[in-house]
Amino acid sequence: MTVQRKYKKAVALQYNQDEQHAPQVIARGAGEIAKNIIAVGEENKVPVMNDENLLALLYPLKNGEFIPESLYLPVAKLLAYLALYKKQTPERKFGGESFLS
């Protein structure tokens, strides 16, 4: 999940490599909706990430939409990073990393 607390926007992604051809937006919103997306993610121990640049690229996508090929690399970096650190520190919150470079 990618969040932008400063602007109160959030995008939640889902990816099952055995069933999906690309990560899919499963929730997006601003204000109270963003707050709820983040809260649900945290309650379910879904890693919450803060990357304002990636959020700016993901936020225009609609719920149910798969990410475009142009975002495959940064989202793959995000997922790999989260998988690695979730194994090491399951309760860690992430922030400040950029996946666009």
PDB file of N, CA and C in Angstrom:
ATOM      1  N   MET A   1       0.856  -1.156   0.000  1.00  0.00           N
ATOM      2  CA  MET A   1       0.000   0.000   0.000  1.00  0.00           C
ATOM      3  C   MET A   1       0.905   1.223   0.000  1.00  0.00           C
ATOM      4  N   THR A   2       0.540   2.223  -0.771  1.00  0.00           N
ATOM      5  CA  THR A   2       1.280   3.464  -0.816  1.00  0.00           C
ATOM      6  C   THR A   2       0.400   4.561  -0.258  1.00  0.00           C
ATOM      7  N   VAL A   3       0.960   5.368   0.639  1.00  0.00           N
ATOM      8  CA  VAL A   3       0.169   6.442   1.233  1.00  0.00           C
ATOM      9  C   VAL A   3       0.894   7.767   1.102  1.00  0.00           C
ATOM     10  N   GLN A   4       0.141   8.811   1.135  1.00  0.00           N
ATOM     11  CA  GLN A   4       0.691  10.154   1.158  1.00  0.00           C
ATOM     12  C   GLN A   4      -0.041  10.905   2.255  1.00  0.00           C
ATOM     13  N   ARG A   5       0.510  10.922   3.439  1.00  0.00           N
ATOM     14  CA  ARG A   5      -0.156  11.523   4.583  1.00  0.00           C
ATOM     15  C   ARG A   5      -0.221  13.044   4.457  1.00  0.00           C
ATOM     16  N   LYS A   6       0.785  13.652   3.869  1.00  0.00           N
ATOM     17  CA  LYS A   6       0.817  15.109   3.742  1.00  0.00           C
ATOM     18  C   LYS A   6      -0.396  15.627   2.982  1.00  0.00           C
ATOM     19  N   TYR A   7      -0.739  14.976   1.909  1.00  0.00           N
ATOM     20  CA  TYR A   7      -1.866  15.401   1.088  1.00  0.00           C
ATOM     21  C   TYR A   7      -3.116  14.577   1.351  1.00  0.00           C
ATOM     22  N   LYS A   8      -3.026  13.649   2.294  1.00  0.00           N
ATOM     23  CA  LYS A   8      -4.153  12.830   2.698  1.00  0.00           C
ATOM     24  C   LYS A   8      -4.777  12.056   1.538  1.00  0.00           C
ATOM     25  N   LYS A   9      -3.916  11.425   0.765  1.00  0.00           N
ATOM     26  CA  LYS A   9      -4.359  10.536  -0.306  1.00  0.00           C
ATOM     27  C   LYS A   9      -3.744   9.172  -0.061  1.00  0.00           C
ATOM     28  N   ALA A  10      -4.425   8.143  -0.543  1.00  0.00           N
ATOM     29  CA  ALA A  10      -3.896   6.786  -0.404  1.00  0.00           C
ATOM     30  C   ALA A  10      -4.327   5.942  -1.593  1.00  0.00           C
ATOM     31  N   VAL A  11      -3.466   5.002  -1.949  1.00  0.00           N
ATOM     32  CA  VAL A  11      -3.767   4.008  -2.973  1.00  0.00           C
ATOM     33  C   VAL A  11      -3.356   2.651  -2.416  1.00  0.00           C
ATOM     34  N   ALA A  12      -4.254   1.683  -2.507  1.00  0.00           N
ATOM     35  CA  ALA A  12      -3.951   0.319  -2.081  1.00  0.00           C
ATOM     36  C   ALA A  12      -3.839  -0.551  -3.323  1.00  0.00           C
ATOM     37  N   LEU A  13      -2.769  -1.341  -3.356  1.00  0.00           N
ATOM     38  CA  LEU A  13      -2.540  -2.247  -4.479  1.00  0.00           C
ATOM     39  C   LEU A  13      -2.655  -3.690  -4.013  1.00  0.00           C
ATOM     40  N   GLN A  14      -3.059  -4.532  -4.935  1.00  0.00           N
ATOM     41  CA  GLN A  14      -3.100  -5.980  -4.706  1.00  0.00           C
ATOM     42  C   GLN A  14      -2.372  -6.633  -5.860  1.00  0.00           C
ATOM     43  N   TYR A  15      -1.577  -7.662  -5.537  1.00  0.00           N
ATOM     44  CA  TYR A  15      -0.909  -8.395  -6.611  1.00  0.00           C
ATOM     45  C   TYR A  15      -0.738  -9.841  -6.207  1.00  0.00           C
ATOM     46  N   ASN A  16      -1.310 -10.721  -7.006  1.00  0.00           N
ATOM     47  CA  ASN A  16      -1.124 -12.156  -6.866  1.00  0.00           C
ATOM     48  C   ASN A  16      -0.536 -12.628  -8.184  1.00  0.00           C
ATOM     49  N   GLN A  17       0.757 -12.910  -8.188  1.00  0.00           N
ATOM     50  CA  GLN A  17       1.435 -13.232  -9.443  1.00  0.00           C
ATOM     51  C   GLN A  17       0.898 -14.488 -10.128  1.00  0.00           C
ATOM     52  N   ASP A  18       0.238 -15.359  -9.392  1.00  0.00           N
ATOM     53  CA  ASP A  18      -0.332 -16.559 -10.003  1.00  0.00           C
ATOM     54  C   ASP A  18      -1.676 -16.293 -10.672  1.00  0.00           C
ATOM     55  N   GLU A  19      -2.332 -15.187 -10.303  1.00  0.00           N
ATOM     56  CA  GLU A  19      -3.671 -14.920 -10.816  1.00  0.00           C
ATOM     57  C   GLU A  19      -3.805 -13.614 -11.591  1.00  0.00           C
ATOM     58  N   GLN A  20      -2.843 -12.710 -11.442  1.00  0.00           N
ATOM     59  CA  GLN A  20      -2.959 -11.396 -12.070  1.00  0.00           C
ATOM     60  C   GLN A  20      -1.754 -11.124 -12.957  1.00  0.00           C
ATOM     61  N   HIS A  21      -1.982 -10.410 -14.049  1.00  0.00           N
ATOM     62  CA  HIS A  21      -0.870 -10.072 -14.938  1.00  0.00           C
ATOM     63  C   HIS A  21      -0.101  -8.850 -14.442  1.00  0.00           C
ATOM     64  N   ALA A  22      -0.678  -8.084 -13.529  1.00  0.00           N
ATOM     65  CA  ALA A  22      -0.043  -6.877 -12.990  1.00  0.00           C
ATOM     66  C   ALA A  22      -0.723  -6.510 -11.680  1.00  0.00           C
ATOM     67  N   PRO A  23      -0.055  -5.689 -10.858  1.00  0.00           N
ATOM     68  CA  PRO A  23      -0.720  -5.188  -9.654  1.00  0.00           C
ATOM     69  C   PRO A  23      -1.970  -4.378 -10.015  1.00  0.00           C
ATOM     70  N   GLN A  24      -2.939  -4.430  -9.136  1.00  0.00           N
ATOM     71  CA  GLN A  24      -4.245  -3.811  -9.374  1.00  0.00           C
ATOM     72  C   GLN A  24      -4.580  -2.847  -8.238  1.00  0.00           C
ATOM     73  N   VAL A  25      -5.154  -1.713  -8.587  1.00  0.00           N
ATOM     74  CA  VAL A  25      -5.637  -0.767  -7.585  1.00  0.00           C
ATOM     75  C   VAL A  25      -6.917  -1.338  -6.985  1.00  0.00           C
ATOM     76  N   ILE A  26      -6.911  -1.540  -5.672  1.00  0.00           N
ATOM     77  CA  ILE A  26      -8.111  -2.086  -5.026  1.00  0.00           C
ATOM     78  C   ILE A  26      -8.822  -1.041  -4.176  1.00  0.00           C
ATOM     79  N   ALA A  27      -8.135   0.067  -3.899  1.00  0.00           N
ATOM     80  CA  ALA A  27      -8.767   1.169  -3.166  1.00  0.00           C
ATOM     81  C   ALA A  27      -7.944   2.421  -3.413  1.00  0.00           C
ATOM     82  N   ARG A  28      -8.647   3.551  -3.494  1.00  0.00           N
ATOM     83  CA  ARG A  28      -7.973   4.841  -3.626  1.00  0.00           C
ATOM     84  C   ARG A  28      -8.911   5.900  -3.084  1.00  0.00           C
ATOM     85  N   GLY A  29      -8.335   6.944  -2.526  1.00  0.00           N
ATOM     86  CA  GLY A  29      -9.187   8.005  -2.033  1.00  0.00           C
ATOM     87  C   GLY A  29      -8.389   9.094  -1.362  1.00  0.00           C
ATOM     88  N   ALA A  30      -9.109  10.145  -1.011  1.00  0.00           N
ATOM     89  CA  ALA A  30      -8.512  11.296  -0.344  1.00  0.00           C
ATOM     90  C   ALA A  30      -9.301  11.596   0.931  1.00  0.00           C
ATOM     91  N   GLY A  31      -8.698  12.344   1.824  1.00  0.00           N
ATOM     92  CA  GLY A  31      -9.365  12.751   3.055  1.00  0.00           C
ATOM     93  C   GLY A  31      -9.724  11.572   3.942  1.00  0.00           C
ATOM     94  N   GLU A  32     -10.980  11.507   4.343  1.00  0.00           N
ATOM     95  CA  GLU A  32     -11.441  10.439   5.238  1.00  0.00           C
ATOM     96  C   GLU A  32     -11.319   9.066   4.591  1.00  0.00           C
ATOM     97  N   ILE A  33     -11.534   8.997   3.291  1.00  0.00           N
ATOM     98  CA  ILE A  33     -11.393   7.702   2.600  1.00  0.00           C
ATOM     99  C   ILE A  33      -9.953   7.220   2.707  1.00  0.00           C
ATOM    100  N   ALA A  34      -9.003   8.115   2.483  1.00  0.00           N
ATOM    101  CA  ALA A  34      -7.589   7.757   2.603  1.00  0.00           C
ATOM    102  C   ALA A  34      -7.268   7.301   4.025  1.00  0.00           C
ATOM    103  N   LYS A  35      -7.782   8.036   4.987  1.00  0.00           N
ATOM    104  CA  LYS A  35      -7.568   7.678   6.393  1.00  0.00           C
ATOM    105  C   LYS A  35      -8.096   6.272   6.679  1.00  0.00           C
ATOM    106  N   ASN A  36      -9.265   5.936   6.132  1.00  0.00           N
ATOM    107  CA  ASN A  36      -9.840   4.602   6.323  1.00  0.00           C
ATOM    108  C   ASN A  36      -9.032   3.530   5.620  1.00  0.00           C
ATOM    109  N   ILE A  37      -8.547   3.819   4.405  1.00  0.00           N
ATOM    110  CA  ILE A  37      -7.714   2.851   3.678  1.00  0.00           C
ATOM    111  C   ILE A  37      -6.475   2.523   4.503  1.00  0.00           C
ATOM    112  N   ILE A  38      -5.829   3.563   5.023  1.00  0.00           N
ATOM    113  CA  ILE A  38      -4.622   3.374   5.830  1.00  0.00           C
ATOM    114  C   ILE A  38      -4.947   2.590   7.102  1.00  0.00           C
ATOM    115  N   ALA A  39      -6.038   2.939   7.766  1.00  0.00           N
ATOM    116  CA  ALA A  39      -6.421   2.260   9.004  1.00  0.00           C
ATOM    117  C   ALA A  39      -6.704   0.782   8.763  1.00  0.00           C
ATOM    118  N   VAL A  40      -7.429   0.475   7.705  1.00  0.00           N
ATOM    119  CA  VAL A  40      -7.729  -0.930   7.386  1.00  0.00           C
ATOM    120  C   VAL A  40      -6.444  -1.681   7.079  1.00  0.00           C
ATOM    121  N   GLY A  41      -5.554  -1.050   6.331  1.00  0.00           N
ATOM    122  CA  GLY A  41      -4.270  -1.685   6.034  1.00  0.00           C
ATOM    123  C   GLY A  41      -3.485  -1.981   7.293  1.00  0.00           C
ATOM    124  N   GLU A  42      -3.389  -0.994   8.167  1.00  0.00           N
ATOM    125  CA  GLU A  42      -2.638  -1.193   9.406  1.00  0.00           C
ATOM    126  C   GLU A  42      -3.280  -2.252  10.296  1.00  0.00           C
ATOM    127  N   GLU A  43      -4.603  -2.255  10.377  1.00  0.00           N
ATOM    128  CA  GLU A  43      -5.301  -3.266  11.181  1.00  0.00           C
ATOM    129  C   GLU A  43      -5.039  -4.673  10.673  1.00  0.00           C
ATOM    130  N   ASN A  44      -4.869  -4.800   9.361  1.00  0.00           N
ATOM    131  CA  ASN A  44      -4.644  -6.108   8.749  1.00  0.00           C
ATOM    132  C   ASN A  44      -3.171  -6.401   8.515  1.00  0.00           C
ATOM    133  N   LYS A  45      -2.300  -5.585   9.123  1.00  0.00           N
ATOM    134  CA  LYS A  45      -0.848  -5.758   9.040  1.00  0.00           C
ATOM    135  C   LYS A  45      -0.336  -5.726   7.602  1.00  0.00           C
ATOM    136  N   VAL A  46      -0.995  -4.909   6.778  1.00  0.00           N
ATOM    137  CA  VAL A  46      -0.528  -4.669   5.421  1.00  0.00           C
ATOM    138  C   VAL A  46       0.520  -3.569   5.507  1.00  0.00           C
ATOM    139  N   PRO A  47       1.698  -3.771   4.909  1.00  0.00           N
ATOM    140  CA  PRO A  47       2.712  -2.717   4.962  1.00  0.00           C
ATOM    141  C   PRO A  47       2.189  -1.416   4.361  1.00  0.00           C
ATOM    142  N   VAL A  48       2.451  -0.328   5.050  1.00  0.00           N
ATOM    143  CA  VAL A  48       2.045   0.996   4.608  1.00  0.00           C
ATOM    144  C   VAL A  48       3.311   1.754   4.221  1.00  0.00           C
ATOM    145  N   MET A  49       3.328   2.288   3.015  1.00  0.00           N
ATOM    146  CA  MET A  49       4.501   2.942   2.472  1.00  0.00           C
ATOM    147  C   MET A  49       4.196   4.384   2.127  1.00  0.00           C
ATOM    148  N   ASN A  50       5.161   5.262   2.340  1.00  0.00           N
ATOM    149  CA  ASN A  50       4.997   6.672   1.998  1.00  0.00           C
ATOM    150  C   ASN A  50       5.985   7.024   0.896  1.00  0.00           C
ATOM    151  N   ASP A  51       5.496   7.146  -0.334  1.00  0.00           N
ATOM    152  CA  ASP A  51       6.311   7.563  -1.479  1.00  0.00           C
ATOM    153  C   ASP A  51       5.444   8.518  -2.306  1.00  0.00           C
ATOM    154  N   GLU A  52       5.603   9.805  -2.061  1.00  0.00           N
ATOM    155  CA  GLU A  52       4.755  10.813  -2.689  1.00  0.00           C
ATOM    156  C   GLU A  52       4.855  10.785  -4.213  1.00  0.00           C
ATOM    157  N   ASN A  53       6.046  10.538  -4.743  1.00  0.00           N
ATOM    158  CA  ASN A  53       6.215  10.520  -6.200  1.00  0.00           C
ATOM    159  C   ASN A  53       5.468   9.351  -6.841  1.00  0.00           C
ATOM    160  N   LEU A  54       5.586   8.174  -6.231  1.00  0.00           N
ATOM    161  CA  LEU A  54       4.874   7.015  -6.767  1.00  0.00           C
ATOM    162  C   LEU A  54       3.372   7.194  -6.604  1.00  0.00           C
ATOM    163  N   LEU A  55       2.944   7.734  -5.480  1.00  0.00           N
ATOM    164  CA  LEU A  55       1.522   7.984  -5.274  1.00  0.00           C
ATOM    165  C   LEU A  55       0.962   8.903  -6.355  1.00  0.00           C
ATOM    166  N   ALA A  56       1.724   9.924  -6.720  1.00  0.00           N
ATOM    167  CA  ALA A  56       1.263  10.858  -7.752  1.00  0.00           C
ATOM    168  C   ALA A  56       1.019  10.140  -9.077  1.00  0.00           C
ATOM    169  N   LEU A  57       1.760   9.082  -9.338  1.00  0.00           N
ATOM    170  CA  LEU A  57       1.572   8.315 -10.573  1.00  0.00           C
ATOM    171  C   LEU A  57       0.453   7.282 -10.452  1.00  0.00           C
ATOM    172  N   LEU A  58       0.250   6.758  -9.251  1.00  0.00           N
ATOM    173  CA  LEU A  58      -0.776   5.732  -9.040  1.00  0.00           C
ATOM    174  C   LEU A  58      -2.168   6.317  -8.811  1.00  0.00           C
ATOM    175  N   TYR A  59      -2.238   7.478  -8.195  1.00  0.00           N
ATOM    176  CA  TYR A  59      -3.533   8.020  -7.781  1.00  0.00           C
ATOM    177  C   TYR A  59      -4.519   8.245  -8.933  1.00  0.00           C
ATOM    178  N   PRO A  60      -4.087   8.644 -10.120  1.00  0.00           N
ATOM    179  CA  PRO A  60      -5.053   8.825 -11.209  1.00  0.00           C
ATOM    180  C   PRO A  60      -5.727   7.528 -11.678  1.00  0.00           C
ATOM    181  N   LEU A  61      -5.158   6.372 -11.322  1.00  0.00           N
ATOM    182  CA  LEU A  61      -5.765   5.101 -11.719  1.00  0.00           C
ATOM    183  C   LEU A  61      -7.067   4.888 -10.953  1.00  0.00           C
ATOM    184  N   LYS A  62      -8.007   4.234 -11.575  1.00  0.00           N
ATOM    185  CA  LYS A  62      -9.313   3.959 -10.972  1.00  0.00           C
ATOM    186  C   LYS A  62      -9.276   2.644 -10.192  1.00  0.00           C
ATOM    187  N   ASN A  63     -10.203   2.490  -9.253  1.00  0.00           N
ATOM    188  CA  ASN A  63     -10.341   1.218  -8.546  1.00  0.00           C
ATOM    189  C   ASN A  63     -10.595   0.109  -9.562  1.00  0.00           C
ATOM    190  N   GLY A  64      -9.890  -0.993  -9.390  1.00  0.00           N
ATOM    191  CA  GLY A  64     -10.028  -2.129 -10.291  1.00  0.00           C
ATOM    192  C   GLY A  64      -9.085  -2.095 -11.479  1.00  0.00           C
ATOM    193  N   GLU A  65      -8.434  -0.968 -11.700  1.00  0.00           N
ATOM    194  CA  GLU A  65      -7.538  -0.826 -12.848  1.00  0.00           C
ATOM    195  C   GLU A  65      -6.173  -1.441 -12.526  1.00  0.00           C
ATOM    196  N   PHE A  66      -5.600  -2.124 -13.520  1.00  0.00           N
ATOM    197  CA  PHE A  66      -4.251  -2.653 -13.381  1.00  0.00           C
ATOM    198  C   PHE A  66      -3.259  -1.542 -13.682  1.00  0.00           C
ATOM    199  N   ILE A  67      -2.108  -1.581 -13.015  1.00  0.00           N
ATOM    200  CA  ILE A  67      -1.125  -0.536 -13.271  1.00  0.00           C
ATOM    201  C   ILE A  67      -0.613  -0.669 -14.702  1.00  0.00           C
ATOM    202  N   PRO A  68      -0.263   0.461 -15.336  1.00  0.00           N
ATOM    203  CA  PRO A  68       0.271   0.399 -16.692  1.00  0.00           C
ATOM    204  C   PRO A  68       1.720  -0.104 -16.684  1.00  0.00           C
ATOM    205  N   GLU A  69       2.168  -0.571 -17.832  1.00  0.00           N
ATOM    206  CA  GLU A  69       3.540  -1.090 -17.942  1.00  0.00           C
ATOM    207  C   GLU A  69       4.577  -0.065 -17.507  1.00  0.00           C
ATOM    208  N   SER A  70       4.294   1.204 -17.710  1.00  0.00           N
ATOM    209  CA  SER A  70       5.252   2.245 -17.327  1.00  0.00           C
ATOM    210  C   SER A  70       5.531   2.271 -15.819  1.00  0.00           C
ATOM    211  N   LEU A  71       4.645   1.665 -15.028  1.00  0.00           N
ATOM    212  CA  LEU A  71       4.833   1.629 -13.576  1.00  0.00           C
ATOM    213  C   LEU A  71       5.290   0.268 -13.059  1.00  0.00           C
ATOM    214  N   TYR A  72       5.496  -0.694 -13.961  1.00  0.00           N
ATOM    215  CA  TYR A  72       5.912  -2.023 -13.519  1.00  0.00           C
ATOM    216  C   TYR A  72       7.198  -1.978 -12.696  1.00  0.00           C
ATOM    217  N   LEU A  73       8.211  -1.290 -13.182  1.00  0.00           N
ATOM    218  CA  LEU A  73       9.497  -1.290 -12.481  1.00  0.00           C
ATOM    219  C   LEU A  73       9.414  -0.634 -11.109  1.00  0.00           C
ATOM    220  N   PRO A  74       8.880   0.588 -10.981  1.00  0.00           N
ATOM    221  CA  PRO A  74       8.832   1.155  -9.628  1.00  0.00           C
ATOM    222  C   PRO A  74       7.942   0.364  -8.666  1.00  0.00           C
ATOM    223  N   VAL A  75       6.848  -0.189  -9.153  1.00  0.00           N
ATOM    224  CA  VAL A  75       5.980  -0.980  -8.271  1.00  0.00           C
ATOM    225  C   VAL A  75       6.657  -2.302  -7.918  1.00  0.00           C
ATOM    226  N   ALA A  76       7.384  -2.903  -8.856  1.00  0.00           N
ATOM    227  CA  ALA A  76       8.135  -4.130  -8.552  1.00  0.00           C
ATOM    228  C   ALA A  76       9.192  -3.859  -7.484  1.00  0.00           C
ATOM    229  N   LYS A  77       9.861  -2.713  -7.588  1.00  0.00           N
ATOM    230  CA  LYS A  77      10.843  -2.338  -6.561  1.00  0.00           C
ATOM    231  C   LYS A  77      10.166  -2.172  -5.203  1.00  0.00           C
ATOM    232  N   LEU A  78       9.013  -1.544  -5.207  1.00  0.00           N
ATOM    233  CA  LEU A  78       8.254  -1.350  -3.974  1.00  0.00           C
ATOM    234  C   LEU A  78       7.879  -2.699  -3.362  1.00  0.00           C
ATOM    235  N   LEU A  79       7.335  -3.592  -4.162  1.00  0.00           N
ATOM    236  CA  LEU A  79       6.905  -4.897  -3.653  1.00  0.00           C
ATOM    237  C   LEU A  79       8.090  -5.714  -3.144  1.00  0.00           C
ATOM    238  N   ALA A  80       9.213  -5.664  -3.855  1.00  0.00           N
ATOM    239  CA  ALA A  80      10.405  -6.396  -3.415  1.00  0.00           C
ATOM    240  C   ALA A  80      10.923  -5.829  -2.099  1.00  0.00           C
ATOM    241  N   TYR A  81      10.952  -4.509  -2.003  1.00  0.00           N
ATOM    242  CA  TYR A  81      11.408  -3.846  -0.785  1.00  0.00           C
ATOM    243  C   TYR A  81      10.518  -4.235   0.398  1.00  0.00           C
ATOM    244  N   LEU A  82       9.213  -4.166   0.200  1.00  0.00           N
ATOM    245  CA  LEU A  82       8.288  -4.501   1.278  1.00  0.00           C
ATOM    246  C   LEU A  82       8.400  -5.966   1.678  1.00  0.00           C
ATOM    247  N   ALA A  83       8.550  -6.850   0.711  1.00  0.00           N
ATOM    248  CA  ALA A  83       8.683  -8.281   1.018  1.00  0.00           C
ATOM    249  C   ALA A  83       9.942  -8.549   1.830  1.00  0.00           C
ATOM    250  N   LEU A  84      11.034  -7.933   1.449  1.00  0.00           N
ATOM    251  CA  LEU A  84      12.296  -8.122   2.163  1.00  0.00           C
ATOM    252  C   LEU A  84      12.209  -7.627   3.592  1.00  0.00           C
ATOM    253  N   TYR A  85      11.716  -6.419   3.760  1.00  0.00           N
ATOM    254  CA  TYR A  85      11.676  -5.846   5.103  1.00  0.00           C
ATOM    255  C   TYR A  85      10.555  -6.408   5.959  1.00  0.00           C
ATOM    256  N   LYS A  86       9.495  -6.876   5.347  1.00  0.00           N
ATOM    257  CA  LYS A  86       8.431  -7.495   6.143  1.00  0.00           C
ATOM    258  C   LYS A  86       8.942  -8.771   6.798  1.00  0.00           C
ATOM    259  N   LYS A  87       9.794  -9.509   6.087  1.00  0.00           N
ATOM    260  CA  LYS A  87      10.386 -10.714   6.675  1.00  0.00           C
ATOM    261  C   LYS A  87      11.256 -10.362   7.877  1.00  0.00           C
ATOM    262  N   GLN A  88      11.987  -9.251   7.764  1.00  0.00           N
ATOM    263  CA  GLN A  88      12.920  -8.872   8.813  1.00  0.00           C
ATOM    264  C   GLN A  88      12.236  -8.157   9.973  1.00  0.00           C
ATOM    265  N   THR A  89      11.248  -7.316   9.669  1.00  0.00           N
ATOM    266  CA  THR A  89      10.596  -6.508  10.698  1.00  0.00           C
ATOM    267  C   THR A  89       9.105  -6.417  10.404  1.00  0.00           C
ATOM    268  N   PRO A  90       8.332  -7.410  10.802  1.00  0.00           N
ATOM    269  CA  PRO A  90       6.917  -7.473  10.429  1.00  0.00           C
ATOM    270  C   PRO A  90       6.079  -6.272  10.842  1.00  0.00           C
ATOM    271  N   GLU A  91       6.437  -5.573  11.893  1.00  0.00           N
ATOM    272  CA  GLU A  91       5.612  -4.465  12.371  1.00  0.00           C
ATOM    273  C   GLU A  91       6.126  -3.107  11.894  1.00  0.00           C
ATOM    274  N   ARG A  92       7.144  -3.082  11.048  1.00  0.00           N
ATOM    275  CA  ARG A  92       7.763  -1.820  10.641  1.00  0.00           C
ATOM    276  C   ARG A  92       6.859  -1.017   9.711  1.00  0.00           C
ATOM    277  N   LYS A  93       6.841   0.291   9.927  1.00  0.00           N
ATOM    278  CA  LYS A  93       6.188   1.210   8.998  1.00  0.00           C
ATOM    279  C   LYS A  93       7.291   1.813   8.139  1.00  0.00           C
ATOM    280  N   PHE A  94       6.989   2.059   6.891  1.00  0.00           N
ATOM    281  CA  PHE A  94       7.987   2.518   5.952  1.00  0.00           C
ATOM    282  C   PHE A  94       7.723   3.967   5.574  1.00  0.00           C
ATOM    283  N   GLY A  95       8.759   4.654   5.152  1.00  0.00           N
ATOM    284  CA  GLY A  95       8.567   6.025   4.673  1.00  0.00           C
ATOM    285  C   GLY A  95       9.854   6.627   4.165  1.00  0.00           C
ATOM    286  N   GLY A  96       9.719   7.489   3.184  1.00  0.00           N
ATOM    287  CA  GLY A  96      10.847   8.236   2.694  1.00  0.00           C
ATOM    288  C   GLY A  96      11.598   7.612   1.541  1.00  0.00           C
ATOM    289  N   GLU A  97      11.388   6.336   1.287  1.00  0.00           N
ATOM    290  CA  GLU A  97      12.082   5.683   0.189  1.00  0.00           C
ATOM    291  C   GLU A  97      11.425   6.076  -1.124  1.00  0.00           C
ATOM    292  N   SER A  98      12.217   6.130  -2.192  1.00  0.00           N
ATOM    293  CA  SER A  98      11.669   6.430  -3.513  1.00  0.00           C
ATOM    294  C   SER A  98      11.940   5.256  -4.437  1.00  0.00           C
ATOM    295  N   PHE A  99      10.961   4.885  -5.220  1.00  0.00           N
ATOM    296  CA  PHE A  99      11.086   3.723  -6.087  1.00  0.00           C
ATOM    297  C   PHE A  99      11.058   4.104  -7.556  1.00  0.00           C
ATOM    298  N   LEU A 100      11.249   5.395  -7.846  1.00  0.00           N
ATOM    299  CA  LEU A 100      11.196   5.857  -9.230  1.00  0.00           C
ATOM    300  C   LEU A 100      12.569   5.938  -9.863  1.00  0.00           C
ATOM    301  N   SER A 101      13.626   5.819  -9.097  1.00  0.00           N
ATOM    302  CA  SER A 101      14.968   5.926  -9.678  1.00  0.00           C
ATOM    303  C   SER A 101      15.532   4.567 -10.023  1.00  0.00           C
TER     304      SER A 101
END
